[in-house]
PDB file of N, CA and C in Angstrom:
ATOM      1  N   MET A   1    -117.723  45.535 185.876  1.00  0.00           N
ATOM      2  CA  MET A   1    -118.057  46.329 184.813  1.00  0.00           C
ATOM      3  C   MET A   1    -118.156  47.527 183.929  1.00  0.00           C
ATOM      4  N   PRO A   2    -118.378  48.232 184.331  1.00  0.00           N
ATOM      5  CA  PRO A   2    -118.957  49.329 183.869  1.00  0.00           C
ATOM      6  C   PRO A   2    -116.737  50.009 183.052  1.00  0.00           C
ATOM      7  N   ASN A   3    -116.285  49.633 184.191  1.00  0.00           N
ATOM      8  CA  ASN A   3    -114.394  49.956 183.827  1.00  0.00           C
ATOM      9  C   ASN A   3    -114.328  49.348 182.882  1.00  0.00           C
ATOM     10  N   GLN A   4    -114.308  48.221 182.268  1.00  0.00           N
ATOM     11  CA  GLN A   4    -114.269  47.337 180.839  1.00  0.00           C
ATOM     12  C   GLN A   4    -114.585  48.215 179.782  1.00  0.00           C
ATOM     13  N   PRO A   5    -115.538  48.406 179.171  1.00  0.00           N
ATOM     14  CA  PRO A   5    -114.825  49.805 177.620  1.00  0.00           C
ATOM     15  C   PRO A   5    -113.954  50.675 178.048  1.00  0.00           C
ATOM     16  N   MET A   6    -114.629  50.728 179.402  1.00  0.00           N
ATOM     17  CA  MET A   6    -113.319  52.300 179.790  1.00  0.00           C
ATOM     18  C   MET A   6    -112.260  51.572 179.746  1.00  0.00           C
ATOM     19  N   LEU A   7    -111.373  50.698 180.440  1.00  0.00           N
ATOM     20  CA  LEU A   7    -109.779  50.109 179.647  1.00  0.00           C
ATOM     21  C   LEU A   7    -110.103  49.581 178.322  1.00  0.00           C
ATOM     22  N   MET A   8    -110.996  49.125 177.970  1.00  0.00           N
ATOM     23  CA  MET A   8    -110.549  49.003 176.503  1.00  0.00           C
ATOM     24  C   MET A   8    -110.283  50.442 175.463  1.00  0.00           C
ATOM     25  N   MET A   9    -110.772  51.030 175.523  1.00  0.00           N
ATOM     26  CA  MET A   9    -110.783  52.843 174.711  1.00  0.00           C
ATOM     27  C   MET A   9    -109.573  52.645 175.025  1.00  0.00           C
ATOM     28  N   MET A  10    -108.689  52.805 176.436  1.00  0.00           N
ATOM     29  CA  MET A  10    -107.659  53.431 176.655  1.00  0.00           C
ATOM     30  C   MET A  10    -106.346  52.175 175.625  1.00  0.00           C
ATOM     31  N   GLN A  11    -106.658  51.044 175.933  1.00  0.00           N
ATOM     32  CA  GLN A  11    -105.385  49.741 175.373  1.00  0.00           C
ATOM     33  C   GLN A  11    -105.870  50.609 173.781  1.00  0.00           C
ATOM     34  N   ALA A  12    -106.725  50.383 172.867  1.00  0.00           N
ATOM     35  CA  ALA A  12    -107.433  50.710 171.636  1.00  0.00           C
ATOM     36  C   ALA A  12    -106.803  52.639 171.064  1.00  0.00           C
ATOM     37  N   ALA A  13    -106.768  53.288 171.874  1.00  0.00           N
ATOM     38  CA  ALA A  13    -106.167  54.116 171.228  1.00  0.00           C
ATOM     39  C   ALA A  13    -104.376  54.887 170.958  1.00  0.00           C
ATOM     40  N   PRO A  14    -103.572  54.388 171.322  1.00  0.00           N
ATOM     41  CA  PRO A  14    -102.209  54.167 171.234  1.00  0.00           C
ATOM     42  C   PRO A  14    -102.915  53.750 169.392  1.00  0.00           C
ATOM     43  N   SER A  15    -102.633  52.380 169.199  1.00  0.00           N
ATOM     44  CA  SER A  15    -102.959  51.638 168.474  1.00  0.00           C
ATOM     45  C   SER A  15    -103.735  52.508 167.063  1.00  0.00           C
ATOM     46  N   GLY A  16    -104.379  53.804 167.443  1.00  0.00           N
ATOM     47  CA  GLY A  16    -105.111  54.467 166.457  1.00  0.00           C
ATOM     48  C   GLY A  16    -104.073  55.419 165.795  1.00  0.00           C
ATOM     49  N   GLN A  17    -103.889  55.609 167.427  1.00  0.00           N
ATOM     50  CA  GLN A  17    -102.565  57.008 166.826  1.00  0.00           C
ATOM     51  C   GLN A  17    -101.407  56.582 165.667  1.00  0.00           C
ATOM     52  N   ALA A  18    -101.053  55.693 165.818  1.00  0.00           N
ATOM     53  CA  ALA A  18     -99.908  55.622 164.822  1.00  0.00           C
ATOM     54  C   ALA A  18    -100.686  54.889 162.686  1.00  0.00           C
ATOM     55  N   GLY A  19    -101.549  54.472 163.694  1.00  0.00           N
ATOM     56  CA  GLY A  19    -102.841  54.953 162.246  1.00  0.00           C
ATOM     57  C   GLY A  19    -102.793  55.601 161.993  1.00  0.00           C
ATOM     58  N   GLY A  20    -103.126  57.290 162.603  1.00  0.00           N
ATOM     59  CA  GLY A  20    -103.341  58.070 161.892  1.00  0.00           C
ATOM     60  C   GLY A  20    -102.318  58.046 161.107  1.00  0.00           C
ATOM     61  N   THR A  21    -100.861  58.103 161.873  1.00  0.00           N
ATOM     62  CA  THR A  21     -99.934  58.906 161.148  1.00  0.00           C
ATOM     63  C   THR A  21     -99.737  58.562 159.995  1.00  0.00           C
ATOM     64  N   THR A  22     -99.766  56.886 160.070  1.00  0.00           N
ATOM     65  CA  THR A  22     -99.495  56.476 158.807  1.00  0.00           C
ATOM     66  C   THR A  22    -100.704  57.433 157.461  1.00  0.00           C
ATOM     67  N   ALA A  23    -101.475  57.268 158.091  1.00  0.00           N
ATOM     68  CA  ALA A  23    -102.930  57.840 157.401  1.00  0.00           C
ATOM     69  C   ALA A  23    -102.525  58.970 156.877  1.00  0.00           C
ATOM     70  N   ALA A  24    -101.559  60.187 157.431  1.00  0.00           N
ATOM     71  CA  ALA A  24    -101.667  61.192 157.301  1.00  0.00           C
ATOM     72  C   ALA A  24    -100.045  61.640 156.280  1.00  0.00           C
ATOM     73  N   LEU A  25     -99.297  60.426 156.546  1.00  0.00           N
ATOM     74  CA  LEU A  25     -98.064  60.554 155.261  1.00  0.00           C
ATOM     75  C   LEU A  25     -99.005  59.832 153.820  1.00  0.00           C
ATOM     76  N   ILE A  26     -99.303  58.586 154.003  1.00  0.00           N
ATOM     77  CA  ILE A  26    -100.200  59.039 152.647  1.00  0.00           C
ATOM     78  C   ILE A  26    -100.831  59.549 152.108  1.00  0.00           C
ATOM     79  N   GLN A  27    -101.488  60.712 153.025  1.00  0.00           N
ATOM     80  CA  GLN A  27    -102.493  61.990 152.487  1.00  0.00           C
ATOM     81  C   GLN A  27    -101.098  63.077 151.517  1.00  0.00           C
ATOM     82  N   PHE A  28    -100.411  63.175 151.912  1.00  0.00           N
ATOM     83  CA  PHE A  28     -98.613  64.359 151.865  1.00  0.00           C
ATOM     84  C   PHE A  28     -98.092  63.708 151.235  1.00  0.00           C
ATOM     85  N   ALA A  29     -97.718  61.856 150.763  1.00  0.00           N
ATOM     86  CA  ALA A  29     -97.027  61.162 149.912  1.00  0.00           C
ATOM     87  C   ALA A  29     -97.405  61.859 148.520  1.00  0.00           C
ATOM     88  N   PRO A  30     -98.546  62.256 147.842  1.00  0.00           N
ATOM     89  CA  PRO A  30     -98.510  62.951 146.118  1.00  0.00           C
ATOM     90  C   PRO A  30     -98.393  63.714 146.159  1.00  0.00           C
ATOM     91  N   LEU A  31     -98.145  65.288 147.030  1.00  0.00           N
ATOM     92  CA  LEU A  31     -98.322  66.219 147.778  1.00  0.00           C
ATOM     93  C   LEU A  31     -97.271  65.795 147.632  1.00  0.00           C
ATOM     94  N   ILE A  32     -95.874  65.298 148.115  1.00  0.00           N
ATOM     95  CA  ILE A  32     -94.221  65.846 147.954  1.00  0.00           C
ATOM     96  C   ILE A  32     -93.820  65.174 146.514  1.00  0.00           C
ATOM     97  N   LEU A  33     -94.259  63.968 146.077  1.00  0.00           N
ATOM     98  CA  LEU A  33     -94.421  64.178 144.448  1.00  0.00           C
ATOM     99  C   LEU A  33     -94.524  64.710 143.882  1.00  0.00           C
ATOM    100  N   ILE A  34     -95.509  65.237 143.800  1.00  0.00           N
ATOM    101  CA  ILE A  34     -95.185  66.633 142.728  1.00  0.00           C
ATOM    102  C   ILE A  34     -94.331  67.627 142.704  1.00  0.00           C
ATOM    103  N   PHE A  35     -94.163  67.876 143.847  1.00  0.00           N
ATOM    104  CA  PHE A  35     -93.436  69.404 144.063  1.00  0.00           C
ATOM    105  C   PHE A  35     -91.886  68.571 144.140  1.00  0.00           C
ATOM    106  N   LEU A  36     -91.817  66.651 144.270  1.00  0.00           N
ATOM    107  CA  LEU A  36     -90.126  66.817 144.059  1.00  0.00           C
ATOM    108  C   LEU A  36     -90.414  66.825 142.046  1.00  0.00           C
ATOM    109  N   ILE A  37     -91.108  66.836 141.902  1.00  0.00           N
ATOM    110  CA  ILE A  37     -91.579  66.337 139.723  1.00  0.00           C
ATOM    111  C   ILE A  37     -91.307  67.948 139.491  1.00  0.00           C
ATOM    112  N   PHE A  38     -92.209  68.409 140.224  1.00  0.00           N
ATOM    113  CA  PHE A  38     -91.823  70.254 140.308  1.00  0.00           C
ATOM    114  C   PHE A  38     -90.801  70.862 140.098  1.00  0.00           C
ATOM    115  N   TRP A  39     -89.906  70.288 140.264  1.00  0.00           N
ATOM    116  CA  TRP A  39     -88.071  70.824 141.212  1.00  0.00           C
ATOM    117  C   TRP A  39     -87.403  69.943 139.779  1.00  0.00           C
ATOM    118  N   PHE A  40     -87.317  68.880 140.028  1.00  0.00           N
ATOM    119  CA  PHE A  40     -86.564  68.292 138.066  1.00  0.00           C
ATOM    120  C   PHE A  40     -87.525  69.066 137.083  1.00  0.00           C
ATOM    121  N   ILE A  41     -88.165  69.488 137.147  1.00  0.00           N
ATOM    122  CA  ILE A  41     -88.888  69.754 135.905  1.00  0.00           C
ATOM    123  C   ILE A  41     -88.281  70.972 135.655  1.00  0.00           C
ATOM    124  N   VAL A  42     -89.146  71.906 136.735  1.00  0.00           N
ATOM    125  CA  VAL A  42     -88.708  73.357 136.266  1.00  0.00           C
ATOM    126  C   VAL A  42     -88.288  74.005 137.007  1.00  0.00           C
ATOM    127  N   MET A  43     -87.051  74.175 138.773  1.00  0.00           N
ATOM    128  CA  MET A  43     -86.754  74.599 139.259  1.00  0.00           C
ATOM    129  C   MET A  43     -85.162  74.496 139.282  1.00  0.00           C
ATOM    130  N   ARG A  44     -84.492  73.320 138.301  1.00  0.00           N
ATOM    131  CA  ARG A  44     -83.454  72.180 138.172  1.00  0.00           C
ATOM    132  C   ARG A  44     -83.020  73.264 136.738  1.00  0.00           C
ATOM    133  N   PRO A  45     -83.746  72.874 135.866  1.00  0.00           N
ATOM    134  CA  PRO A  45     -83.509  73.441 135.125  1.00  0.00           C
ATOM    135  C   PRO A  45     -83.367  75.007 134.360  1.00  0.00           C
ATOM    136  N   GLN A  46     -84.368  75.877 135.579  1.00  0.00           N
ATOM    137  CA  GLN A  46     -84.134  77.059 135.183  1.00  0.00           C
ATOM    138  C   GLN A  46     -82.691  77.809 135.937  1.00  0.00           C
ATOM    139  N   GLN A  47     -83.138  77.021 137.551  1.00  0.00           N
ATOM    140  CA  GLN A  47     -81.410  77.707 138.340  1.00  0.00           C
ATOM    141  C   GLN A  47     -80.264  77.466 137.013  1.00  0.00           C
ATOM    142  N   GLN A  48     -79.608  76.206 136.430  1.00  0.00           N
ATOM    143  CA  GLN A  48     -78.435  75.998 135.540  1.00  0.00           C
ATOM    144  C   GLN A  48     -78.357  77.125 134.171  1.00  0.00           C
ATOM    145  N   ARG A  49     -79.565  76.755 133.633  1.00  0.00           N
ATOM    146  CA  ARG A  49     -80.099  78.734 132.633  1.00  0.00           C
ATOM    147  C   ARG A  49     -79.011  79.508 133.121  1.00  0.00           C
ATOM    148  N   VAL A  50     -79.639  80.474 134.032  1.00  0.00           N
ATOM    149  CA  VAL A  50     -79.632  81.403 135.022  1.00  0.00           C
ATOM    150  C   VAL A  50     -77.408  80.536 135.773  1.00  0.00           C
ATOM    151  N   LYS A  51     -77.009  79.720 135.909  1.00  0.00           N
ATOM    152  CA  LYS A  51     -75.783  79.862 136.246  1.00  0.00           C
ATOM    153  C   LYS A  51     -75.050  80.094 135.085  1.00  0.00           C
ATOM    154  N   GLN A  52     -75.365  79.246 133.881  1.00  0.00           N
ATOM    155  CA  GLN A  52     -74.772  79.467 132.916  1.00  0.00           C
ATOM    156  C   GLN A  52     -74.816  80.880 132.269  1.00  0.00           C
ATOM    157  N   HIS A  53     -76.030  81.197 132.491  1.00  0.00           N
ATOM    158  CA  HIS A  53     -75.922  82.958 131.644  1.00  0.00           C
ATOM    159  C   HIS A  53     -75.121  84.148 132.433  1.00  0.00           C
ATOM    160  N   GLN A  54     -75.052  83.841 134.249  1.00  0.00           N
ATOM    161  CA  GLN A  54     -74.761  84.374 135.490  1.00  0.00           C
ATOM    162  C   GLN A  54     -72.638  84.887 134.728  1.00  0.00           C
ATOM    163  N   ALA A  55     -72.619  82.939 134.062  1.00  0.00           N
ATOM    164  CA  ALA A  55     -70.819  82.964 133.730  1.00  0.00           C
ATOM    165  C   ALA A  55     -70.467  84.004 131.447  1.00  0.00           C
ATOM    166  N   SER A  56     -71.494  83.835 131.538  1.00  0.00           N
ATOM    167  CA  SER A  56     -71.182  83.859 130.273  1.00  0.00           C
ATOM    168  C   SER A  56     -71.201  85.225 130.371  1.00  0.00           C
ATOM    169  N   ILE A  57     -72.208  86.160 130.845  1.00  0.00           N
ATOM    170  CA  ILE A  57     -71.996  87.621 131.029  1.00  0.00           C
ATOM    171  C   ILE A  57     -70.523  88.353 132.332  1.00  0.00           C
ATOM    172  N   ALA A  58     -70.069  87.291 132.670  1.00  0.00           N
ATOM    173  CA  ALA A  58     -68.478  87.520 133.597  1.00  0.00           C
ATOM    174  C   ALA A  58     -67.609  86.962 132.892  1.00  0.00           C
ATOM    175  N   ALA A  59     -68.039  86.378 130.980  1.00  0.00           N
ATOM    176  CA  ALA A  59     -66.649  85.905 130.185  1.00  0.00           C
ATOM    177  C   ALA A  59     -66.978  87.355 129.031  1.00  0.00           C
ATOM    178  N   VAL A  60     -67.574  88.006 128.942  1.00  0.00           N
ATOM    179  CA  VAL A  60     -67.308  88.967 128.118  1.00  0.00           C
ATOM    180  C   VAL A  60     -66.025  90.099 127.795  1.00  0.00           C
ATOM    181  N   LYS A  61     -65.568  89.959 126.595  1.00  0.00           N
ATOM    182  CA  LYS A  61     -64.946  89.881 126.069  1.00  0.00           C
ATOM    183  C   LYS A  61     -64.563  90.892 124.550  1.00  0.00           C
ATOM    184  N   LYS A  62     -63.409  91.905 125.031  1.00  0.00           N
ATOM    185  CA  LYS A  62     -63.457  92.408 123.882  1.00  0.00           C
ATOM    186  C   LYS A  62     -63.459  91.558 122.801  1.00  0.00           C
ATOM    187  N   GLY A  63     -64.879  92.006 121.487  1.00  0.00           N
ATOM    188  CA  GLY A  63     -64.993  91.790 120.181  1.00  0.00           C
ATOM    189  C   GLY A  63     -65.982  90.343 120.152  1.00  0.00           C
ATOM    190  N   ASP A  64     -66.723  90.572 121.664  1.00  0.00           N
ATOM    191  CA  ASP A  64     -68.185  89.470 121.720  1.00  0.00           C
ATOM    192  C   ASP A  64     -68.935  90.760 120.781  1.00  0.00           C
ATOM    193  N   GLU A  65     -70.036  90.580 120.364  1.00  0.00           N
ATOM    194  CA  GLU A  65     -70.841  90.683 120.207  1.00  0.00           C
ATOM    195  C   GLU A  65     -72.105  90.006 120.739  1.00  0.00           C
ATOM    196  N   VAL A  66     -72.430  91.754 121.749  1.00  0.00           N
ATOM    197  CA  VAL A  66     -73.943  91.129 122.692  1.00  0.00           C
ATOM    198  C   VAL A  66     -74.988  91.541 122.353  1.00  0.00           C
ATOM    199  N   VAL A  67     -76.159  90.898 122.814  1.00  0.00           N
ATOM    200  CA  VAL A  67     -77.763  91.564 122.495  1.00  0.00           C
ATOM    201  C   VAL A  67     -78.399  92.050 124.151  1.00  0.00           C
ATOM    202  N   THR A  68     -78.164  93.111 124.528  1.00  0.00           N
ATOM    203  CA  THR A  68     -78.375  94.073 125.725  1.00  0.00           C
ATOM    204  C   THR A  68     -79.961  93.941 125.970  1.00  0.00           C
ATOM    205  N   GLY A  69     -80.442  94.303 127.421  1.00  0.00           N
ATOM    206  CA  GLY A  69     -81.959  93.837 126.856  1.00  0.00           C
ATOM    207  C   GLY A  69     -82.567  94.664 126.654  1.00  0.00           C
ATOM    208  N   GLY A  70     -82.929  95.382 126.282  1.00  0.00           N
ATOM    209  CA  GLY A  70     -83.298  96.620 125.636  1.00  0.00           C
ATOM    210  C   GLY A  70     -83.389  95.840 123.826  1.00  0.00           C
ATOM    211  N   GLY A  71     -82.741  95.531 123.824  1.00  0.00           N
ATOM    212  CA  GLY A  71     -82.638  94.913 121.823  1.00  0.00           C
ATOM    213  C   GLY A  71     -81.527  95.103 121.329  1.00  0.00           C
ATOM    214  N   ILE A  72     -80.821  95.722 121.798  1.00  0.00           N
ATOM    215  CA  ILE A  72     -79.464  96.616 120.893  1.00  0.00           C
ATOM    216  C   ILE A  72     -78.636  95.492 121.221  1.00  0.00           C
ATOM    217  N   ARG A  73     -78.253  95.495 119.611  1.00  0.00           N
ATOM    218  CA  ARG A  73     -76.761  94.598 119.219  1.00  0.00           C
ATOM    219  C   ARG A  73     -76.086  95.458 118.690  1.00  0.00           C
ATOM    220  N   GLY A  74     -74.761  94.511 119.538  1.00  0.00           N
ATOM    221  CA  GLY A  74     -74.000  95.852 118.772  1.00  0.00           C
ATOM    222  C   GLY A  74     -71.761  95.025 120.047  1.00  0.00           C
ATOM    223  N   ARG A  75     -71.378  95.443 119.674  1.00  0.00           N
ATOM    224  CA  ARG A  75     -69.923  94.777 119.893  1.00  0.00           C
ATOM    225  C   ARG A  75     -69.441  95.479 120.917  1.00  0.00           C
ATOM    226  N   VAL A  76     -69.093  94.598 121.351  1.00  0.00           N
ATOM    227  CA  VAL A  76     -67.612  94.871 122.920  1.00  0.00           C
ATOM    228  C   VAL A  76     -66.599  95.370 122.694  1.00  0.00           C
ATOM    229  N   THR A  77     -66.303  96.989 122.807  1.00  0.00           N
ATOM    230  CA  THR A  77     -64.815  96.757 122.303  1.00  0.00           C
ATOM    231  C   THR A  77     -64.252  98.021 123.758  1.00  0.00           C
ATOM    232  N   LYS A  78     -64.394  97.855 125.392  1.00  0.00           N
ATOM    233  CA  LYS A  78     -63.655  97.772 126.108  1.00  0.00           C
ATOM    234  C   LYS A  78     -64.937  97.025 127.186  1.00  0.00           C
ATOM    235  N   VAL A  79     -63.721  96.163 127.953  1.00  0.00           N
ATOM    236  CA  VAL A  79     -65.096  95.742 129.252  1.00  0.00           C
ATOM    237  C   VAL A  79     -64.530  96.212 130.775  1.00  0.00           C
ATOM    238  N   SER A  80     -64.864  97.054 131.771  1.00  0.00           N
ATOM    239  CA  SER A  80     -64.347  97.116 133.095  1.00  0.00           C
ATOM    240  C   SER A  80     -64.808  95.532 133.620  1.00  0.00           C
ATOM    241  N   ASP A  81     -65.464  95.980 135.337  1.00  0.00           N
ATOM    242  CA  ASP A  81     -65.700  94.996 135.999  1.00  0.00           C
ATOM    243  C   ASP A  81     -67.314  95.163 135.901  1.00  0.00           C
ATOM    244  N   ASP A  82     -67.450  96.260 135.631  1.00  0.00           N
ATOM    245  CA  ASP A  82     -69.464  95.703 135.842  1.00  0.00           C
ATOM    246  C   ASP A  82     -69.798  96.488 134.846  1.00  0.00           C
ATOM    247  N   GLU A  83     -69.004  96.845 133.514  1.00  0.00           N
ATOM    248  CA  GLU A  83     -69.869  97.845 132.532  1.00  0.00           C
ATOM    249  C   GLU A  83     -68.694  97.567 131.573  1.00  0.00           C
ATOM    250  N   ALA A  84     -69.326  97.448 129.733  1.00  0.00           N
ATOM    251  CA  ALA A  84     -69.338  97.055 128.558  1.00  0.00           C
ATOM    252  C   ALA A  84     -69.761  97.793 127.910  1.00  0.00           C
ATOM    253  N   GLU A  85     -68.192  98.571 127.092  1.00  0.00           N
ATOM    254  CA  GLU A  85     -68.738  99.876 126.176  1.00  0.00           C
ATOM    255  C   GLU A  85     -69.286  98.682 124.489  1.00  0.00           C
ATOM    256  N   VAL A  86     -70.307  99.410 124.318  1.00  0.00           N
ATOM    257  CA  VAL A  86     -70.517  98.435 123.081  1.00  0.00           C
ATOM    258  C   VAL A  86     -70.906  99.267 121.949  1.00  0.00           C
ATOM    259  N   GLU A  87     -69.533  98.647 120.882  1.00  0.00           N
ATOM    260  CA  GLU A  87     -70.552  99.727 119.541  1.00  0.00           C
ATOM    261  C   GLU A  87     -71.168  99.033 118.819  1.00  0.00           C
ATOM    262  N   ILE A  88     -72.433  99.953 119.263  1.00  0.00           N
ATOM    263  CA  ILE A  88     -73.627 100.100 118.147  1.00  0.00           C
ATOM    264  C   ILE A  88     -74.041 100.645 116.972  1.00  0.00           C
ATOM    265  N   ALA A  89     -72.899 101.252 116.252  1.00  0.00           N
ATOM    266  CA  ALA A  89     -72.351 101.259 115.206  1.00  0.00           C
ATOM    267  C   ALA A  89     -71.446 102.013 114.782  1.00  0.00           C
ATOM    268  N   GLN A  90     -70.358 102.009 113.271  1.00  0.00           N
ATOM    269  CA  GLN A  90     -69.185 102.642 113.702  1.00  0.00           C
ATOM    270  C   GLN A  90     -69.827 104.750 114.418  1.00  0.00           C
ATOM    271  N   GLY A  91     -68.795 103.891 114.890  1.00  0.00           N
ATOM    272  CA  GLY A  91     -68.191 105.525 115.383  1.00  0.00           C
ATOM    273  C   GLY A  91     -69.313 105.751 116.444  1.00  0.00           C
ATOM    274  N   VAL A  92     -70.340 105.202 116.674  1.00  0.00           N
ATOM    275  CA  VAL A  92     -71.646 105.217 117.842  1.00  0.00           C
ATOM    276  C   VAL A  92     -71.291 104.142 118.978  1.00  0.00           C
ATOM    277  N   LYS A  93     -70.281 104.729 120.422  1.00  0.00           N
ATOM    278  CA  LYS A  93     -70.321 103.671 121.272  1.00  0.00           C
ATOM    279  C   LYS A  93     -71.442 104.244 122.158  1.00  0.00           C
ATOM    280  N   ILE A  94     -72.124 103.059 123.490  1.00  0.00           N
ATOM    281  CA  ILE A  94     -72.403 103.102 124.736  1.00  0.00           C
ATOM    282  C   ILE A  94     -71.826 102.434 125.539  1.00  0.00           C
ATOM    283  N   ARG A  95     -71.673 102.498 126.717  1.00  0.00           N
ATOM    284  CA  ARG A  95     -71.324 102.327 127.835  1.00  0.00           C
ATOM    285  C   ARG A  95     -73.257 101.073 128.823  1.00  0.00           C
ATOM    286  N   VAL A  96     -72.516 100.422 129.173  1.00  0.00           N
ATOM    287  CA  VAL A  96     -74.037  99.502 129.457  1.00  0.00           C
ATOM    288  C   VAL A  96     -73.499  98.908 130.893  1.00  0.00           C
ATOM    289  N   ILE A  97     -74.704  98.559 131.379  1.00  0.00           N
ATOM    290  CA  ILE A  97     -73.991  97.807 133.084  1.00  0.00           C
ATOM    291  C   ILE A  97     -74.265  96.387 132.179  1.00  0.00           C
ATOM    292  N   LYS A  98     -72.533  95.484 132.309  1.00  0.00           N
ATOM    293  CA  LYS A  98     -73.375  93.876 132.175  1.00  0.00           C
ATOM    294  C   LYS A  98     -74.447  93.729 132.670  1.00  0.00           C
ATOM    295  N   SER A  99     -74.469  93.788 133.472  1.00  0.00           N
ATOM    296  CA  SER A  99     -76.075  92.468 133.864  1.00  0.00           C
ATOM    297  C   SER A  99     -76.852  92.438 133.113  1.00  0.00           C
ATOM    298  N   THR A 100     -76.719  93.912 132.302  1.00  0.00           N
ATOM    299  CA  THR A 100     -78.038  94.470 131.591  1.00  0.00           C
ATOM    300  C   THR A 100     -78.111  93.428 130.120  1.00  0.00           C
ATOM    301  N   ILE A 101     -76.992  93.151 129.670  1.00  0.00           N
ATOM    302  CA  ILE A 101     -76.598  92.356 129.003  1.00  0.00           C
ATOM    303  C   ILE A 101     -77.454  91.119 129.070  1.00  0.00           C
ATOM    304  N   SER A 102     -78.353  90.758 128.130  1.00  0.00           N
ATOM    305  CA  SER A 102     -79.447  89.344 127.594  1.00  0.00           C
ATOM    306  C   SER A 102     -78.350  88.353 127.389  1.00  0.00           C
ATOM    307  N   GLN A 103     -78.257  88.512 126.221  1.00  0.00           N
ATOM    308  CA  GLN A 103     -76.589  87.310 125.144  1.00  0.00           C
ATOM    309  C   GLN A 103     -75.536  87.856 124.914  1.00  0.00           C
ATOM    310  N   VAL A 104     -75.010  86.967 124.936  1.00  0.00           N
ATOM    311  CA  VAL A 104     -73.273  86.966 124.119  1.00  0.00           C
ATOM    312  C   VAL A 104     -73.682  85.902 123.490  1.00  0.00           C
ATOM    313  N   LEU A 105     -73.442  86.437 121.999  1.00  0.00           N
ATOM    314  CA  LEU A 105     -73.704  85.945 120.337  1.00  0.00           C
ATOM    315  C   LEU A 105     -72.068  85.482 120.257  1.00  0.00           C
ATOM    316  N   THR A 106     -72.418  83.755 119.967  1.00  0.00           N
ATOM    317  CA  THR A 106     -70.842  83.521 119.967  1.00  0.00           C
ATOM    318  C   THR A 106     -70.415  83.177 117.921  1.00  0.00           C
ATOM    319  N   PRO A 107     -69.244  83.586 117.636  1.00  0.00           N
ATOM    320  CA  PRO A 107     -68.437  84.105 116.538  1.00  0.00           C
ATOM    321  C   PRO A 107     -69.592  82.859 114.980  1.00  0.00           C
ATOM    322  N   ASN A 108     -69.769  81.519 115.795  1.00  0.00           N
ATOM    323  CA  ASN A 108     -69.934  80.783 114.624  1.00  0.00           C
ATOM    324  C   ASN A 108     -71.828  80.539 114.742  1.00  0.00           C
ATOM    325  N   THR A 109     -72.338  81.362 114.955  1.00  0.00           N
ATOM    326  CA  THR A 109     -74.164  80.948 115.551  1.00  0.00           C
ATOM    327  C   THR A 109     -74.419  81.915 114.464  1.00  0.00           C
ATOM    328  N   LYS A 110     -74.775  80.341 113.670  1.00  0.00           N
ATOM    329  CA  LYS A 110     -75.684  81.169 112.322  1.00  0.00           C
ATOM    330  C   LYS A 110     -77.416  82.085 112.327  1.00  0.00           C
ATOM    331  N   PRO A 111     -77.135  82.939 111.348  1.00  0.00           N
ATOM    332  CA  PRO A 111     -78.160  83.862 111.510  1.00  0.00           C
ATOM    333  C   PRO A 111     -79.915  83.100 110.635  1.00  0.00           C
ATOM    334  N   ALA A 112     -80.295  83.419 111.714  1.00  0.00           N
ATOM    335  CA  ALA A 112     -82.415  82.711 111.188  1.00  0.00           C
ATOM    336  C   ALA A 112     -82.098  82.570 110.021  1.00  0.00           C
ATOM    337  N   ASN A 113     -81.969  83.354 109.431  1.00  0.00           N
ATOM    338  CA  ASN A 113     -82.394  83.580 108.066  1.00  0.00           C
ATOM    339  C   ASN A 113     -82.230  83.079 106.920  1.00  0.00           C
ATOM    340  N   ASP A 114     -80.621  82.492 107.637  1.00  0.00           N
ATOM    341  CA  ASP A 114     -79.708  81.881 106.410  1.00  0.00           C
ATOM    342  C   ASP A 114     -80.306  79.503 106.599  1.00  0.00           C
TER     343      ASP A 114
END
């Protein structure tokens, strides 16, 4: 008879482990759900904006109006592989690395104060 309680504990152990796995999955489900929500609300749109910005920088051409990372606004006069020449005033041209261009302004963009 002393072996009978031991036998019942051994039989109950496997079913207890399966319940523990299910409980662990239920505990991690909210964390996984929070991560997925974070991904779709924050990370995914940010990656799309980065891709769009890289595409607009790669498509810079002569005549485009740009804003550099330092806030200098000018018109592109010449473009090479990794540099652009920007005229910031009449007769004043500077060379900038294309990756430092923060914004390409489209010609049909209205000024903020109009």
